C-alpha atoms as a PDB file:
ATOM      1  CA  UNK A   1     144.042 -65.493  95.913  1.00  0.00           C
ATOM      2  CA  UNK A   2     143.133 -68.937  95.753  1.00  0.00           C
ATOM      3  CA  UNK A   3     139.179 -69.390  97.115  1.00  0.00           C
ATOM      4  CA  UNK A   4     138.704 -72.754  98.354  1.00  0.00           C
ATOM      5  CA  UNK A   5     135.169 -73.968  99.521  1.00  0.00           C
ATOM      6  CA  UNK A   6     134.710 -74.045 103.327  1.00  0.00           C
ATOM      7  CA  UNK A   7     135.150 -77.812 104.602  1.00  0.00           C
ATOM      8  CA  UNK A   8     132.085 -79.433 106.157  1.00  0.00           C
ATOM      9  CA  UNK A   9     131.486 -82.537 108.436  1.00  0.00           C
ATOM     10  CA  UNK A  10     130.898 -85.393 106.374  1.00  0.00           C
ATOM     11  CA  UNK A  11     128.178 -86.375 108.855  1.00  0.00           C
ATOM     12  CA  UNK A  12     126.209 -83.564 109.786  1.00  0.00           C
ATOM     13  CA  UNK A  13     127.277 -81.060 107.108  1.00  0.00           C
ATOM     14  CA  UNK A  14     128.341 -78.042 109.587  1.00  0.00           C
ATOM     15  CA  UNK A  15     131.262 -76.183 108.931  1.00  0.00           C
ATOM     16  CA  UNK A  16     134.619 -77.395 110.161  1.00  0.00           C
ATOM     17  CA  UNK A  17     136.806 -74.930 112.258  1.00  0.00           C
ATOM     18  CA  UNK A  18     139.332 -73.856 110.034  1.00  0.00           C
ATOM     19  CA  UNK A  19     142.081 -74.094 112.715  1.00  0.00           C
ATOM     20  CA  UNK A  20     141.682 -78.055 112.651  1.00  0.00           C
ATOM     21  CA  UNK A  21     143.569 -80.258 110.940  1.00  0.00           C
ATOM     22  CA  UNK A  22     143.308 -80.344 107.322  1.00  0.00           C
ATOM     23  CA  UNK A  23     142.747 -84.062 107.025  1.00  0.00           C
ATOM     24  CA  UNK A  24     140.025 -83.961 109.610  1.00  0.00           C
ATOM     25  CA  UNK A  25     136.316 -84.848 108.155  1.00  0.00           C
ATOM     26  CA  UNK A  26     134.426 -84.698 111.235  1.00  0.00           C
ATOM     27  CA  UNK A  27     133.279 -81.953 113.687  1.00  0.00           C
ATOM     28  CA  UNK A  28     133.082 -84.306 116.877  1.00  0.00           C
ATOM     29  CA  UNK A  29     133.531 -87.863 117.561  1.00  0.00           C
ATOM     30  CA  UNK A  30     129.800 -88.719 117.337  1.00  0.00           C
ATOM     31  CA  UNK A  31     129.811 -87.760 113.857  1.00  0.00           C
ATOM     32  CA  UNK A  32     132.774 -90.036 113.055  1.00  0.00           C
ATOM     33  CA  UNK A  33     131.057 -92.933 114.700  1.00  0.00           C
ATOM     34  CA  UNK A  34     127.808 -92.597 112.905  1.00  0.00           C
ATOM     35  CA  UNK A  35     129.513 -92.070 109.633  1.00  0.00           C
ATOM     36  CA  UNK A  36     131.582 -95.415 109.910  1.00  0.00           C
ATOM     37  CA  UNK A  37     128.777 -97.393 111.380  1.00  0.00           C
ATOM     38  CA  UNK A  38     126.541 -96.655 108.628  1.00  0.00           C
ATOM     39  CA  UNK A  39     129.024 -97.145 106.117  1.00  0.00           C
ATOM     40  CA  UNK A  40     130.149-100.734 107.926  1.00  0.00           C
ATOM     41  CA  UNK A  41     126.213-101.811 107.645  1.00  0.00           C
ATOM     42  CA  UNK A  42     125.836-100.844 104.481  1.00  0.00           C
ATOM     43  CA  UNK A  43     129.254-102.232 103.064  1.00  0.00           C
ATOM     44  CA  UNK A  44     128.247-105.478 104.839  1.00  0.00           C
ATOM     45  CA  UNK A  45     125.193-105.826 102.687  1.00  0.00           C
ATOM     46  CA  UNK A  46     126.947-104.492  99.517  1.00  0.00           C
ATOM     47  CA  UNK A  47     130.127-106.872 100.117  1.00  0.00           C
ATOM     48  CA  UNK A  48     127.922-110.134 100.084  1.00  0.00           C
ATOM     49  CA  UNK A  49     126.168-109.143  96.725  1.00  0.00           C
ATOM     50  CA  UNK A  50     129.578-108.141  95.110  1.00  0.00           C
ATOM     51  CA  UNK A  51     131.304-111.230  96.154  1.00  0.00           C
ATOM     52  CA  UNK A  52     128.252-113.556  94.852  1.00  0.00           C
ATOM     53  CA  UNK A  53     128.315-111.398  91.638  1.00  0.00           C
ATOM     54  CA  UNK A  54     132.179-112.032  91.580  1.00  0.00           C
ATOM     55  CA  UNK A  55     132.458-115.506  92.127  1.00  0.00           C
ATOM     56  CA  UNK A  56     128.979-117.038  91.713  1.00  0.00           C
ATOM     57  CA  UNK A  57     127.758-115.123  88.338  1.00  0.00           C
ATOM     58  CA  UNK A  58     125.185-117.413  87.590  1.00  0.00           C
ATOM     59  CA  UNK A  59     123.409-117.466  90.714  1.00  0.00           C
ATOM     60  CA  UNK A  60     123.854-113.377  90.907  1.00  0.00           C
ATOM     61  CA  UNK A  61     122.383-112.918  87.506  1.00  0.00           C
ATOM     62  CA  UNK A  62     119.540-115.533  87.805  1.00  0.00           C
ATOM     63  CA  UNK A  63     118.541-113.476  91.626  1.00  0.00           C
ATOM     64  CA  UNK A  64     118.980-110.009  89.945  1.00  0.00           C
ATOM     65  CA  UNK A  65     122.147-108.777  92.024  1.00  0.00           C
ATOM     66  CA  UNK A  66     123.094-106.208  90.008  1.00  0.00           C
ATOM     67  CA  UNK A  67     119.613-104.703  89.933  1.00  0.00           C
ATOM     68  CA  UNK A  68     119.490-104.981  93.807  1.00  0.00           C
ATOM     69  CA  UNK A  69     123.020-103.375  94.345  1.00  0.00           C
ATOM     70  CA  UNK A  70     122.126-100.305  91.934  1.00  0.00           C
ATOM     71  CA  UNK A  71     118.494 -99.711  93.977  1.00  0.00           C
ATOM     72  CA  UNK A  72     120.414-100.098  97.563  1.00  0.00           C
ATOM     73  CA  UNK A  73     122.746 -97.200  96.319  1.00  0.00           C
ATOM     74  CA  UNK A  74     119.850 -95.358  95.094  1.00  0.00           C
ATOM     75  CA  UNK A  75     118.062 -95.487  98.319  1.00  0.00           C
ATOM     76  CA  UNK A  76     121.239 -94.881 100.343  1.00  0.00           C
ATOM     77  CA  UNK A  77     122.112 -91.924  98.504  1.00  0.00           C
ATOM     78  CA  UNK A  78     118.451 -90.291  98.421  1.00  0.00           C
ATOM     79  CA  UNK A  79     118.382 -90.864 102.610  1.00  0.00           C
ATOM     80  CA  UNK A  80     121.910 -89.320 102.649  1.00  0.00           C
ATOM     81  CA  UNK A  81     120.856 -86.496 100.651  1.00  0.00           C
ATOM     82  CA  UNK A  82     117.546 -85.919 102.488  1.00  0.00           C
ATOM     83  CA  UNK A  83     119.658 -85.898 105.650  1.00  0.00           C
ATOM     84  CA  UNK A  84     122.053 -83.678 104.367  1.00  0.00           C
ATOM     85  CA  UNK A  85     125.037 -85.572 104.252  1.00  0.00           C
ATOM     86  CA  UNK A  86     127.769 -86.799 102.014  1.00  0.00           C
ATOM     87  CA  UNK A  87     126.878 -90.443 100.785  1.00  0.00           C
ATOM     88  CA  UNK A  88     130.589 -91.559  99.603  1.00  0.00           C
ATOM     89  CA  UNK A  89     134.072 -90.236  99.282  1.00  0.00           C
ATOM     90  CA  UNK A  90     135.047 -89.118  95.809  1.00  0.00           C
ATOM     91  CA  UNK A  91     136.592 -91.634  93.132  1.00  0.00           C
ATOM     92  CA  UNK A  92     140.139 -89.634  93.234  1.00  0.00           C
ATOM     93  CA  UNK A  93     140.290 -90.264  97.258  1.00  0.00           C
ATOM     94  CA  UNK A  94     138.912 -93.814  97.135  1.00  0.00           C
ATOM     95  CA  UNK A  95     141.420 -94.626  94.911  1.00  0.00           C
ATOM     96  CA  UNK A  96     144.318 -93.176  96.852  1.00  0.00           C
ATOM     97  CA  UNK A  97     143.099 -95.358  99.726  1.00  0.00           C
ATOM     98  CA  UNK A  98     143.608 -98.661  97.598  1.00  0.00           C
ATOM     99  CA  UNK A  99     147.010 -97.505  96.088  1.00  0.00           C
ATOM    100  CA  UNK A 100     148.511-100.978  96.316  1.00  0.00           C
ATOM    101  CA  UNK A 101     145.462-102.266  94.226  1.00  0.00           C
ATOM    102  CA  UNK A 102     145.503 -99.555  91.692  1.00  0.00           C
ATOM    103  CA  UNK A 103     149.574-100.006  91.005  1.00  0.00           C
ATOM    104  CA  UNK A 104     148.453-103.748  89.999  1.00  0.00           C
ATOM    105  CA  UNK A 105     145.902-102.607  87.776  1.00  0.00           C
ATOM    106  CA  UNK A 106     148.379-100.024  86.112  1.00  0.00           C
ATOM    107  CA  UNK A 107     151.214-102.559  85.615  1.00  0.00           C
ATOM    108  CA  UNK A 108     148.541-104.762  84.001  1.00  0.00           C
ATOM    109  CA  UNK A 109     147.105-102.272  81.728  1.00  0.00           C
ATOM    110  CA  UNK A 110     150.721-101.051  80.406  1.00  0.00           C
ATOM    111  CA  UNK A 111     151.753-104.600  79.836  1.00  0.00           C
ATOM    112  CA  UNK A 112     148.442-104.836  77.578  1.00  0.00           C
ATOM    113  CA  UNK A 113     149.484-101.739  75.810  1.00  0.00           C
ATOM    114  CA  UNK A 114     153.050-102.898  74.830  1.00  0.00           C
ATOM    115  CA  UNK A 115     153.590-103.750  71.101  1.00  0.00           C
END
């Protein structure tokens, strides 16, 4: 018999009804909306910092954007931990949501590995 950890709401941490769909991550619409709104507002801040790091490296380095991004992530993680909620999707779930980009990376990696 395989024992699985009871699924919990990503926002409030309450156990999810076992009769709900397997891909349900939230106990109520309000929890889903809160989760997504928080991710959108945090993501907007992180997006600007990341894009500056990617396309204006000199200025980003001068402003210390990498350290800023790390401090932002730490603060958000601590805030979520104190509220008893999950801060982020696990790496494998994140990668699966972006399969088209991951495929390009894998193809390029294989081309480099060829003799």
